[in-house]
PDB file of all heavy atoms in Angstrom:
ATOM      1  N   ALA A   1       0.811  -1.207   0.065  1.00  0.00           N
ATOM      2  CA  ALA A   1      -0.022   0.018  -0.049  1.00  0.00           C
ATOM      3  C   ALA A   1       0.862   1.234   0.029  1.00  0.00           C
ATOM      4  O   ALA A   1       0.662   2.265  -0.650  1.00  0.00           O
ATOM      5  CB  ALA A   1      -0.961   0.021   1.171  1.00  0.00           C
ATOM      6  N   GLU A   2       1.929   1.282   0.830  1.00  0.00           N
ATOM      7  CA  GLU A   2       2.763   2.451   0.871  1.00  0.00           C
ATOM      8  C   GLU A   2       3.521   2.635  -0.388  1.00  0.00           C
ATOM      9  O   GLU A   2       3.737   3.765  -0.834  1.00  0.00           O
ATOM     10  CB  GLU A   2       3.738   2.229   2.009  1.00  0.00           C
ATOM     11  CG  GLU A   2       3.110   2.408   3.360  1.00  0.00           C
ATOM     12  CD  GLU A   2       4.006   2.161   4.526  1.00  0.00           C
ATOM     13  OE1 GLU A   2       5.027   1.561   4.428  1.00  0.00           O
ATOM     14  OE2 GLU A   2       3.694   2.550   5.729  1.00  0.00           O
ATOM     15  N   THR A   3       3.857   1.632  -1.102  1.00  0.00           N
ATOM     16  CA  THR A   3       4.563   1.746  -2.358  1.00  0.00           C
ATOM     17  C   THR A   3       3.601   2.108  -3.451  1.00  0.00           C
ATOM     18  O   THR A   3       3.803   3.154  -4.203  1.00  0.00           O
ATOM     19  CB  THR A   3       5.217   0.447  -2.765  1.00  0.00           C
ATOM     20  OG1 THR A   3       6.252   0.079  -1.769  1.00  0.00           O
ATOM     21  CG2 THR A   3       5.891   0.621  -4.051  1.00  0.00           C
ATOM     22  N   PHE A   4       2.472   1.515  -3.480  1.00  0.00           N
ATOM     23  CA  PHE A   4       1.432   1.757  -4.570  1.00  0.00           C
ATOM     24  C   PHE A   4       1.024   3.243  -4.489  1.00  0.00           C
ATOM     25  O   PHE A   4       0.811   3.961  -5.454  1.00  0.00           O
ATOM     26  CB  PHE A   4       0.271   0.864  -4.413  1.00  0.00           C
ATOM     27  CG  PHE A   4      -0.753   1.056  -5.574  1.00  0.00           C
ATOM     28  CD1 PHE A   4      -0.523   0.400  -6.788  1.00  0.00           C
ATOM     29  CD2 PHE A   4      -1.874   1.666  -5.312  1.00  0.00           C
ATOM     30  CE1 PHE A   4      -1.431   0.596  -7.912  1.00  0.00           C
ATOM     31  CE2 PHE A   4      -2.884   1.752  -6.303  1.00  0.00           C
ATOM     32  CZ  PHE A   4      -2.527   1.263  -7.583  1.00  0.00           C
ATOM     33  N   TYR A   5       0.671   3.772  -3.197  1.00  0.00           N
ATOM     34  CA  TYR A   5       0.163   5.046  -2.971  1.00  0.00           C
ATOM     35  C   TYR A   5       1.293   6.008  -2.659  1.00  0.00           C
ATOM     36  O   TYR A   5       1.021   7.192  -2.175  1.00  0.00           O
ATOM     37  CB  TYR A   5      -0.826   5.037  -1.991  1.00  0.00           C
ATOM     38  CG  TYR A   5      -2.141   4.470  -2.437  1.00  0.00           C
ATOM     39  CD1 TYR A   5      -2.564   3.254  -2.004  1.00  0.00           C
ATOM     40  CD2 TYR A   5      -3.060   5.043  -3.347  1.00  0.00           C
ATOM     41  CE1 TYR A   5      -3.708   2.561  -2.420  1.00  0.00           C
ATOM     42  CE2 TYR A   5      -4.163   4.527  -3.821  1.00  0.00           C
ATOM     43  CZ  TYR A   5      -4.473   3.201  -3.332  1.00  0.00           C
ATOM     44  OH  TYR A   5      -5.684   2.677  -3.739  1.00  0.00           O
ATOM     45  N   GLY A   6       2.618   5.707  -2.945  1.00  0.00           N
ATOM     46  CA  GLY A   6       3.671   6.555  -2.686  1.00  0.00           C
ATOM     47  C   GLY A   6       3.542   7.940  -3.190  1.00  0.00           C
ATOM     48  O   GLY A   6       4.151   8.879  -2.584  1.00  0.00           O
ATOM     49  N   VAL A   7       2.890   8.173  -4.377  1.00  0.00           N
ATOM     50  CA  VAL A   7       2.721   9.486  -4.776  1.00  0.00           C
ATOM     51  C   VAL A   7       2.032  10.430  -3.847  1.00  0.00           C
ATOM     52  O   VAL A   7       2.239  11.682  -3.961  1.00  0.00           O
ATOM     53  CB  VAL A   7       2.007   9.486  -6.224  1.00  0.00           C
ATOM     54  CG1 VAL A   7       0.551   8.996  -6.105  1.00  0.00           C
ATOM     55  CG2 VAL A   7       2.098  10.727  -6.989  1.00  0.00           C
ATOM     56  N   HIS A   8       1.263   9.805  -2.951  1.00  0.00           N
ATOM     57  CA  HIS A   8       0.584  10.649  -1.977  1.00  0.00           C
ATOM     58  C   HIS A   8       1.254  10.693  -0.500  1.00  0.00           C
ATOM     59  O   HIS A   8       0.699  11.135   0.377  1.00  0.00           O
ATOM     60  CB  HIS A   8      -0.785  10.077  -1.714  1.00  0.00           C
ATOM     61  CG  HIS A   8      -1.673  10.016  -2.973  1.00  0.00           C
ATOM     62  ND1 HIS A   8      -1.993  11.077  -3.739  1.00  0.00           N
ATOM     63  CD2 HIS A   8      -2.277   8.967  -3.599  1.00  0.00           C
ATOM     64  CE1 HIS A   8      -2.807  10.732  -4.740  1.00  0.00           C
ATOM     65  NE2 HIS A   8      -2.897   9.504  -4.624  1.00  0.00           N
ATOM     66  N   SER A   9       2.546  10.194  -0.503  1.00  0.00           N
ATOM     67  CA  SER A   9       3.220  10.076   0.850  1.00  0.00           C
ATOM     68  C   SER A   9       3.358  11.354   1.636  1.00  0.00           C
ATOM     69  O   SER A   9       3.446  11.273   2.828  1.00  0.00           O
ATOM     70  CB  SER A   9       4.566   9.400   0.594  1.00  0.00           C
ATOM     71  OG  SER A   9       5.384  10.183  -0.110  1.00  0.00           O
ATOM     72  N   GLU A  10       3.404  12.465   0.984  1.00  0.00           N
ATOM     73  CA  GLU A  10       3.461  13.708   1.683  1.00  0.00           C
ATOM     74  C   GLU A  10       2.153  14.335   2.125  1.00  0.00           C
ATOM     75  O   GLU A  10       2.054  15.369   2.778  1.00  0.00           O
ATOM     76  CB  GLU A  10       4.216  14.786   0.824  1.00  0.00           C
ATOM     77  CG  GLU A  10       5.672  14.346   0.582  1.00  0.00           C
ATOM     78  CD  GLU A  10       6.508  13.975   1.752  1.00  0.00           C
ATOM     79  OE1 GLU A  10       6.513  14.739   2.716  1.00  0.00           O
ATOM     80  OE2 GLU A  10       7.199  12.977   1.741  1.00  0.00           O
ATOM     81  N   ARG A  11       1.066  13.724   1.632  1.00  0.00           N
ATOM     82  CA  ARG A  11      -0.252  14.207   1.863  1.00  0.00           C
ATOM     83  C   ARG A  11      -0.780  13.796   3.249  1.00  0.00           C
ATOM     84  O   ARG A  11      -0.451  12.609   3.743  1.00  0.00           O
ATOM     85  CB  ARG A  11      -1.303  13.722   0.892  1.00  0.00           C
ATOM     86  CG  ARG A  11      -0.703  14.070  -0.571  1.00  0.00           C
ATOM     87  CD  ARG A  11      -1.280  14.774  -1.338  1.00  0.00           C
ATOM     88  NE  ARG A  11      -2.156  15.706  -1.842  1.00  0.00           N
ATOM     89  CZ  ARG A  11      -2.820  15.536  -3.052  1.00  0.00           C
ATOM     90  NH1 ARG A  11      -2.788  14.395  -3.679  1.00  0.00           N
ATOM     91  NH2 ARG A  11      -3.422  16.521  -3.441  1.00  0.00           N
ATOM     92  N   PRO A  12      -1.583  14.499   3.950  1.00  0.00           N
ATOM     93  CA  PRO A  12      -2.035  14.233   5.294  1.00  0.00           C
ATOM     94  C   PRO A  12      -2.856  12.981   5.367  1.00  0.00           C
ATOM     95  O   PRO A  12      -2.825  12.330   6.491  1.00  0.00           O
ATOM     96  CB  PRO A  12      -2.874  15.537   5.810  1.00  0.00           C
ATOM     97  CG  PRO A  12      -3.073  16.285   4.522  1.00  0.00           C
ATOM     98  CD  PRO A  12      -2.107  15.879   3.515  1.00  0.00           C
ATOM     99  N   PHE A  13      -3.418  12.579   4.260  1.00  0.00           N
ATOM    100  CA  PHE A  13      -4.415  11.367   4.346  1.00  0.00           C
ATOM    101  C   PHE A  13      -3.682  10.068   3.999  1.00  0.00           C
ATOM    102  O   PHE A  13      -4.182   8.961   4.023  1.00  0.00           O
ATOM    103  CB  PHE A  13      -5.478  11.498   3.367  1.00  0.00           C
ATOM    104  CG  PHE A  13      -5.160  11.707   1.886  1.00  0.00           C
ATOM    105  CD1 PHE A  13      -4.799  10.539   1.150  1.00  0.00           C
ATOM    106  CD2 PHE A  13      -5.022  12.968   1.384  1.00  0.00           C
ATOM    107  CE1 PHE A  13      -4.403  10.715  -0.218  1.00  0.00           C
ATOM    108  CE2 PHE A  13      -4.740  13.120   0.102  1.00  0.00           C
ATOM    109  CZ  PHE A  13      -4.393  12.095  -0.800  1.00  0.00           C
ATOM    110  N   PHE A  14      -2.284  10.107   3.796  1.00  0.00           N
ATOM    111  CA  PHE A  14      -1.558   9.012   3.303  1.00  0.00           C
ATOM    112  C   PHE A  14      -1.581   7.795   4.305  1.00  0.00           C
ATOM    113  O   PHE A  14      -1.971   6.652   3.890  1.00  0.00           O
ATOM    114  CB  PHE A  14      -0.075   9.401   3.157  1.00  0.00           C
ATOM    115  CG  PHE A  14       0.802   8.178   2.699  1.00  0.00           C
ATOM    116  CD1 PHE A  14       0.625   7.675   1.444  1.00  0.00           C
ATOM    117  CD2 PHE A  14       1.796   7.727   3.535  1.00  0.00           C
ATOM    118  CE1 PHE A  14       1.449   6.579   0.961  1.00  0.00           C
ATOM    119  CE2 PHE A  14       2.548   6.653   3.159  1.00  0.00           C
ATOM    120  CZ  PHE A  14       2.427   6.087   1.844  1.00  0.00           C
ATOM    121  N   GLY A  15      -1.318   7.923   5.484  1.00  0.00           N
ATOM    122  CA  GLY A  15      -1.439   6.941   6.519  1.00  0.00           C
ATOM    123  C   GLY A  15      -2.835   6.337   6.583  1.00  0.00           C
ATOM    124  O   GLY A  15      -2.925   5.054   6.639  1.00  0.00           O
ATOM    125  N   GLU A  16      -3.781   7.129   6.646  1.00  0.00           N
ATOM    126  CA  GLU A  16      -5.165   6.592   6.744  1.00  0.00           C
ATOM    127  C   GLU A  16      -5.534   5.772   5.458  1.00  0.00           C
ATOM    128  O   GLU A  16      -6.231   4.828   5.543  1.00  0.00           O
ATOM    129  CB  GLU A  16      -6.163   7.727   6.912  1.00  0.00           C
ATOM    130  CG  GLU A  16      -7.584   7.405   7.154  1.00  0.00           C
ATOM    131  CD  GLU A  16      -8.468   8.697   7.367  1.00  0.00           C
ATOM    132  OE1 GLU A  16      -7.910   9.683   7.807  1.00  0.00           O
ATOM    133  OE2 GLU A  16      -9.694   8.501   7.036  1.00  0.00           O
ATOM    134  N   LEU A  17      -5.149   6.401   4.331  1.00  0.00           N
ATOM    135  CA  LEU A  17      -5.361   5.589   3.075  1.00  0.00           C
ATOM    136  C   LEU A  17      -4.715   4.223   2.984  1.00  0.00           C
ATOM    137  O   LEU A  17      -5.426   3.254   2.709  1.00  0.00           O
ATOM    138  CB  LEU A  17      -4.867   6.341   1.917  1.00  0.00           C
ATOM    139  CG  LEU A  17      -4.916   5.792   0.525  1.00  0.00           C
ATOM    140  CD1 LEU A  17      -6.326   5.421   0.068  1.00  0.00           C
ATOM    141  CD2 LEU A  17      -4.147   6.606  -0.470  1.00  0.00           C
ATOM    142  N   CYS A  18      -3.450   4.098   3.400  1.00  0.00           N
ATOM    143  CA  CYS A  18      -2.792   2.825   3.434  1.00  0.00           C
ATOM    144  C   CYS A  18      -3.424   1.924   4.449  1.00  0.00           C
ATOM    145  O   CYS A  18      -3.660   0.670   4.129  1.00  0.00           O
ATOM    146  CB  CYS A  18      -1.329   3.047   3.807  1.00  0.00           C
ATOM    147  SG  CYS A  18      -0.447   3.914   2.501  1.00  0.00           S
ATOM    148  N   GLU A  19      -3.786   2.359   5.653  1.00  0.00           N
ATOM    149  CA  GLU A  19      -4.512   1.467   6.692  1.00  0.00           C
ATOM    150  C   GLU A  19      -5.753   1.041   6.155  1.00  0.00           C
ATOM    151  O   GLU A  19      -6.155  -0.087   6.291  1.00  0.00           O
ATOM    152  CB  GLU A  19      -4.702   2.252   7.951  1.00  0.00           C
ATOM    153  CG  GLU A  19      -3.439   2.512   8.804  1.00  0.00           C
ATOM    154  CD  GLU A  19      -2.652   1.106   9.139  1.00  0.00           C
ATOM    155  OE1 GLU A  19      -3.420   0.270   9.525  1.00  0.00           O
ATOM    156  OE2 GLU A  19      -1.456   1.152   9.161  1.00  0.00           O
ATOM    157  N   PHE A  20      -6.566   1.895   5.504  1.00  0.00           N
ATOM    158  CA  PHE A  20      -7.779   1.476   4.872  1.00  0.00           C
ATOM    159  C   PHE A  20      -7.661   0.432   3.872  1.00  0.00           C
ATOM    160  O   PHE A  20      -8.329  -0.603   3.820  1.00  0.00           O
ATOM    161  CB  PHE A  20      -8.548   2.748   4.219  1.00  0.00           C
ATOM    162  CG  PHE A  20      -9.676   2.377   3.352  1.00  0.00           C
ATOM    163  CD1 PHE A  20     -10.784   1.685   3.922  1.00  0.00           C
ATOM    164  CD2 PHE A  20      -9.640   2.672   2.055  1.00  0.00           C
ATOM    165  CE1 PHE A  20     -11.851   1.308   3.046  1.00  0.00           C
ATOM    166  CE2 PHE A  20     -10.727   2.295   1.165  1.00  0.00           C
ATOM    167  CZ  PHE A  20     -11.769   1.663   1.717  1.00  0.00           C
ATOM    168  N   MET A  21      -6.557   0.537   3.006  1.00  0.00           N
ATOM    169  CA  MET A  21      -6.393  -0.395   1.912  1.00  0.00           C
ATOM    170  C   MET A  21      -5.976  -1.793   2.337  1.00  0.00           C
ATOM    171  O   MET A  21      -6.069  -2.734   1.587  1.00  0.00           O
ATOM    172  CB  MET A  21      -5.504   0.286   0.892  1.00  0.00           C
ATOM    173  CG  MET A  21      -6.166   1.387   0.103  1.00  0.00           C
ATOM    174  SD  MET A  21      -7.586   1.037  -0.785  1.00  0.00           S
ATOM    175  CE  MET A  21      -7.024  -0.122  -2.048  1.00  0.00           C
ATOM    176  N   ILE A  22      -5.387  -1.847   3.547  1.00  0.00           N
ATOM    177  CA  ILE A  22      -5.055  -3.209   4.041  1.00  0.00           C
ATOM    178  C   ILE A  22      -6.032  -3.784   5.043  1.00  0.00           C
ATOM    179  O   ILE A  22      -5.903  -4.821   5.701  1.00  0.00           O
ATOM    180  CB  ILE A  22      -3.676  -3.125   4.701  1.00  0.00           C
ATOM    181  CG1 ILE A  22      -3.590  -2.271   5.983  1.00  0.00           C
ATOM    182  CG2 ILE A  22      -2.691  -2.556   3.729  1.00  0.00           C
ATOM    183  CD1 ILE A  22      -2.325  -2.377   6.771  1.00  0.00           C
ATOM    184  N   SER A  23      -7.203  -3.078   5.248  1.00  0.00           N
ATOM    185  CA  SER A  23      -8.155  -3.372   6.317  1.00  0.00           C
ATOM    186  C   SER A  23      -9.006  -4.607   5.943  1.00  0.00           C
ATOM    187  O   SER A  23      -9.503  -5.382   6.759  1.00  0.00           O
ATOM    188  CB  SER A  23      -9.112  -2.278   6.599  1.00  0.00           C
ATOM    189  OG  SER A  23      -9.947  -1.893   5.437  1.00  0.00           O
ATOM    190  N   GLU A  24      -9.139  -4.892   4.630  1.00  0.00           N
ATOM    191  CA  GLU A  24      -9.965  -6.042   4.140  1.00  0.00           C
ATOM    192  C   GLU A  24      -9.402  -6.433   2.733  1.00  0.00           C
ATOM    193  O   GLU A  24      -8.617  -5.621   2.197  1.00  0.00           O
ATOM    194  CB  GLU A  24     -11.404  -5.571   3.851  1.00  0.00           C
ATOM    195  CG  GLU A  24     -12.185  -5.143   5.112  1.00  0.00           C
ATOM    196  CD  GLU A  24     -12.644  -6.431   5.955  1.00  0.00           C
ATOM    197  OE1 GLU A  24     -12.853  -7.473   5.334  1.00  0.00           O
ATOM    198  OE2 GLU A  24     -13.002  -6.111   7.155  1.00  0.00           O
ATOM    199  N   PRO A  25      -9.717  -7.516   2.291  1.00  0.00           N
ATOM    200  CA  PRO A  25      -9.240  -7.916   0.866  1.00  0.00           C
ATOM    201  C   PRO A  25      -9.749  -6.882  -0.138  1.00  0.00           C
ATOM    202  O   PRO A  25     -10.702  -6.146   0.072  1.00  0.00           O
ATOM    203  CB  PRO A  25      -9.855  -9.310   0.644  1.00  0.00           C
ATOM    204  CG  PRO A  25     -10.140  -9.855   2.041  1.00  0.00           C
ATOM    205  CD  PRO A  25     -10.500  -8.666   2.858  1.00  0.00           C
ATOM    206  N   ILE A  26      -8.976  -6.861  -1.216  1.00  0.00           N
ATOM    207  CA  ILE A  26      -9.352  -5.896  -2.347  1.00  0.00           C
ATOM    208  C   ILE A  26      -9.345  -6.962  -3.599  1.00  0.00           C
ATOM    209  O   ILE A  26      -8.838  -7.964  -3.575  1.00  0.00           O
ATOM    210  CB  ILE A  26      -8.336  -4.836  -2.616  1.00  0.00           C
ATOM    211  CG1 ILE A  26      -6.976  -5.438  -2.897  1.00  0.00           C
ATOM    212  CG2 ILE A  26      -8.380  -3.830  -1.425  1.00  0.00           C
ATOM    213  CD1 ILE A  26      -5.930  -4.244  -3.329  1.00  0.00           C
ATOM    214  N   VAL A  27     -10.023  -6.404  -4.644  1.00  0.00           N
ATOM    215  CA  VAL A  27      -9.929  -7.123  -5.930  1.00  0.00           C
ATOM    216  C   VAL A  27      -9.238  -6.207  -6.918  1.00  0.00           C
ATOM    217  O   VAL A  27      -9.677  -5.084  -7.227  1.00  0.00           O
ATOM    218  CB  VAL A  27     -11.402  -7.491  -6.468  1.00  0.00           C
ATOM    219  CG1 VAL A  27     -11.319  -8.120  -7.861  1.00  0.00           C
ATOM    220  CG2 VAL A  27     -12.054  -8.416  -5.519  1.00  0.00           C
ATOM    221  N   VAL A  28      -8.103  -6.696  -7.452  1.00  0.00           N
ATOM    222  CA  VAL A  28      -7.340  -5.948  -8.407  1.00  0.00           C
ATOM    223  C   VAL A  28      -7.679  -6.536  -9.738  1.00  0.00           C
ATOM    224  O   VAL A  28      -7.795  -7.714  -9.948  1.00  0.00           O
ATOM    225  CB  VAL A  28      -5.808  -5.888  -8.186  1.00  0.00           C
ATOM    226  CG1 VAL A  28      -5.494  -5.149  -7.005  1.00  0.00           C
ATOM    227  CG2 VAL A  28      -5.213  -7.367  -8.067  1.00  0.00           C
ATOM    228  N   GLN A  29      -7.789  -5.649 -10.753  1.00  0.00           N
ATOM    229  CA  GLN A  29      -8.220  -6.211 -12.123  1.00  0.00           C
ATOM    230  C   GLN A  29      -7.708  -5.326 -13.223  1.00  0.00           C
ATOM    231  O   GLN A  29      -7.393  -4.134 -13.090  1.00  0.00           O
ATOM    232  CB  GLN A  29      -9.808  -6.348 -12.156  1.00  0.00           C
ATOM    233  CG  GLN A  29     -10.590  -5.428 -11.524  1.00  0.00           C
ATOM    234  CD  GLN A  29     -12.089  -5.780 -11.530  1.00  0.00           C
ATOM    235  OE1 GLN A  29     -12.506  -6.848 -11.821  1.00  0.00           O
ATOM    236  NE2 GLN A  29     -12.864  -4.845 -11.208  1.00  0.00           N
ATOM    237  N   VAL A  30      -7.682  -5.908 -14.379  1.00  0.00           N
ATOM    238  CA  VAL A  30      -7.294  -5.264 -15.654  1.00  0.00           C
ATOM    239  C   VAL A  30      -8.566  -5.288 -16.429  1.00  0.00           C
ATOM    240  O   VAL A  30      -9.145  -6.384 -16.700  1.00  0.00           O
ATOM    241  CB  VAL A  30      -6.166  -5.942 -16.383  1.00  0.00           C
ATOM    242  CG1 VAL A  30      -5.861  -5.141 -17.673  1.00  0.00           C
ATOM    243  CG2 VAL A  30      -4.913  -5.905 -15.347  1.00  0.00           C
ATOM    244  N   LEU A  31      -8.983  -4.082 -16.962  1.00  0.00           N
ATOM    245  CA  LEU A  31     -10.140  -3.949 -17.703  1.00  0.00           C
ATOM    246  C   LEU A  31      -9.704  -3.494 -19.163  1.00  0.00           C
ATOM    247  O   LEU A  31      -8.785  -2.822 -19.396  1.00  0.00           O
ATOM    248  CB  LEU A  31     -11.190  -2.868 -17.158  1.00  0.00           C
ATOM    249  CG  LEU A  31     -11.588  -3.028 -15.662  1.00  0.00           C
ATOM    250  CD1 LEU A  31     -12.288  -1.844 -15.269  1.00  0.00           C
ATOM    251  CD2 LEU A  31     -12.303  -4.346 -15.570  1.00  0.00           C
TER     252      LEU A  31
END
């Protein structure tokens, strides 16, 4: 999560975003 969202690392919501993204499974896909 920290690597994927690294572009936002300086933003105040970065930690909360990363914690949210690891809180439950996700589905990654190519459309």
